[in-house]
Amino acid sequence: MSLVADPADPAGFACQSCGACCAYSAEWPRFSTEDDADLARIPEVYVDDPAGRMRCEGDRCSALEGRIGEAVACKVYAVRPEVCRTCEPGDPECLIARRHHGLPV
């Protein structure tokens, strides 16, 4: 769920104008490989401790600001969890989320 577009991305997806992956499912931002020190860097207001994931409002990560498909930013980009780091522009998860929001794939 990287919110920095790769200018070399052949698909041409601009993550900072998309954000679909961060607003697709409350289950996606689940912590899996982070250790306690990594999780401690994420501001508590964005963490859903009992569920072991990022806090969501519906299916949207609470750390995402802006409008899906227009302009978005992650409020915790520098310390976002691994699951967010592994989603890449144009990968299968990206395309699923884009379709869900009616964005071109």
Protein backbone atom coordinates (compact mmCIF):
# COMPACT_ATOMS: atom_id res chain seq x y z
CA MET A 1 0.00 0.00 0.00
CA SER A 2 2.70 2.35 -0.89
CA LEU A 3 1.40 5.86 -1.44
CA VAL A 4 4.39 7.03 -3.43
CA ALA A 5 4.04 6.38 -7.13
CA ASP A 6 6.96 4.78 -8.92
CA PRO A 7 7.65 6.94 -11.99
CA ALA A 8 9.04 3.83 -13.72
CA ASP A 9 5.79 1.90 -13.17
CA PRO A 10 4.73 0.67 -16.61
CA ALA A 11 1.05 0.52 -15.64
CA GLY A 12 1.14 4.25 -14.88
CA PHE A 13 -0.71 4.01 -11.58
CA ALA A 14 -0.20 7.06 -9.40
CA CYS A 15 -0.68 5.90 -5.81
CA GLN A 16 -1.01 9.44 -4.49
CA SER A 17 -4.10 9.93 -6.60
CA CYS A 18 -5.54 6.47 -5.95
CA GLY A 19 -5.59 5.07 -2.40
CA ALA A 20 -7.94 2.22 -3.33
CA CYS A 21 -5.80 -0.39 -1.56
CA CYS A 22 -6.11 1.55 1.71
CA ALA A 23 -9.89 1.68 1.46
CA TYR A 24 -10.78 -1.80 0.25
CA SER A 25 -11.01 -4.01 3.33
CA ALA A 26 -10.58 -3.61 7.07
CA GLU A 27 -8.90 -7.03 6.96
CA TRP A 28 -6.04 -5.99 4.66
CA PRO A 29 -4.06 -3.81 7.02
CA ARG A 30 -3.44 -6.78 9.38
CA PHE A 31 -0.11 -6.94 11.20
CA SER A 32 1.86 -10.09 10.47
CA THR A 33 5.62 -9.59 10.48
CA GLU A 34 6.00 -6.46 12.62
CA ASP A 35 7.70 -6.71 15.96
CA ASP A 36 6.60 -4.71 19.00
CA ALA A 37 9.12 -1.94 18.28
CA ASP A 38 7.74 -1.48 14.74
CA LEU A 39 4.17 -1.35 15.99
CA ALA A 40 5.07 1.11 18.74
CA ARG A 41 6.13 3.64 16.07
CA ILE A 42 2.61 3.76 14.62
CA PRO A 43 0.56 6.34 16.53
CA GLU A 44 -1.88 4.53 18.81
CA VAL A 45 -4.89 6.34 17.35
CA TYR A 46 -4.37 4.42 14.06
CA VAL A 47 -3.95 0.96 15.61
CA ASP A 48 -6.76 -1.50 16.37
CA ASP A 49 -4.94 -3.54 19.03
CA PRO A 50 -7.61 -6.20 19.69
CA ALA A 51 -7.82 -7.02 15.97
CA GLY A 52 -4.06 -6.81 15.33
CA ARG A 53 -4.36 -4.36 12.46
CA MET A 54 -4.66 -0.75 11.48
CA ARG A 55 -7.81 0.98 12.74
CA CYS A 56 -10.40 1.35 10.00
CA GLU A 57 -13.55 3.37 9.53
CA GLY A 58 -15.62 0.85 7.62
CA ASP A 59 -13.21 -0.55 5.04
CA ARG A 60 -11.00 2.56 4.98
CA CYS A 61 -7.78 2.79 6.96
CA SER A 62 -8.02 5.66 9.43
CA ALA A 63 -4.52 6.82 8.46
CA LEU A 64 -5.63 7.54 4.89
CA GLU A 65 -6.58 11.12 4.13
CA GLY A 66 -8.05 12.53 0.94
CA ARG A 67 -10.43 11.27 -1.75
CA ILE A 68 -10.02 7.87 -3.37
CA GLY A 69 -9.15 8.25 -7.05
CA GLU A 70 -8.28 11.95 -6.70
CA ALA A 71 -5.63 12.76 -4.10
CA VAL A 72 -4.65 10.75 -1.02
CA ALA A 73 -1.86 10.51 1.52
CA CYS A 74 -0.98 8.19 4.38
CA LYS A 75 -0.63 9.96 7.73
CA VAL A 76 1.81 7.26 8.93
CA TYR A 77 3.64 6.58 5.67
CA ALA A 78 7.13 6.44 7.19
CA VAL A 79 6.08 3.89 9.83
CA ARG A 80 3.31 2.02 7.96
CA PRO A 81 3.11 -1.75 8.52
CA GLU A 82 4.69 -4.33 6.25
CA VAL A 83 1.40 -5.28 4.61
CA CYS A 84 1.11 -1.70 3.40
CA ARG A 85 4.68 -1.73 2.08
CA THR A 86 4.19 -4.90 0.04
CA CYS A 87 1.22 -3.69 -2.02
CA GLU A 88 2.66 -2.37 -5.26
CA PRO A 89 1.13 -0.39 -8.14
CA GLY A 90 -0.46 -2.78 -10.62
CA ASP A 91 -0.07 -5.93 -8.50
CA PRO A 92 -3.10 -8.25 -8.09
CA GLU A 93 -4.17 -6.62 -4.79
CA CYS A 94 -3.93 -3.17 -6.34
CA LEU A 95 -6.10 -4.22 -9.28
CA ILE A 96 -8.71 -5.84 -7.01
CA ALA A 97 -8.99 -2.64 -4.97
CA ARG A 98 -9.09 -0.41 -8.06
CA ARG A 99 -11.91 -2.49 -9.56
CA HIS A 100 -13.81 -2.30 -6.27
CA HIS A 101 -13.73 1.51 -6.44
CA GLY A 102 -14.50 1.66 -10.16
CA LEU A 103 -11.04 2.93 -11.08
CA PRO A 104 -9.36 1.89 -14.34
CA VAL A 105 -7.11 -1.17 -14.19
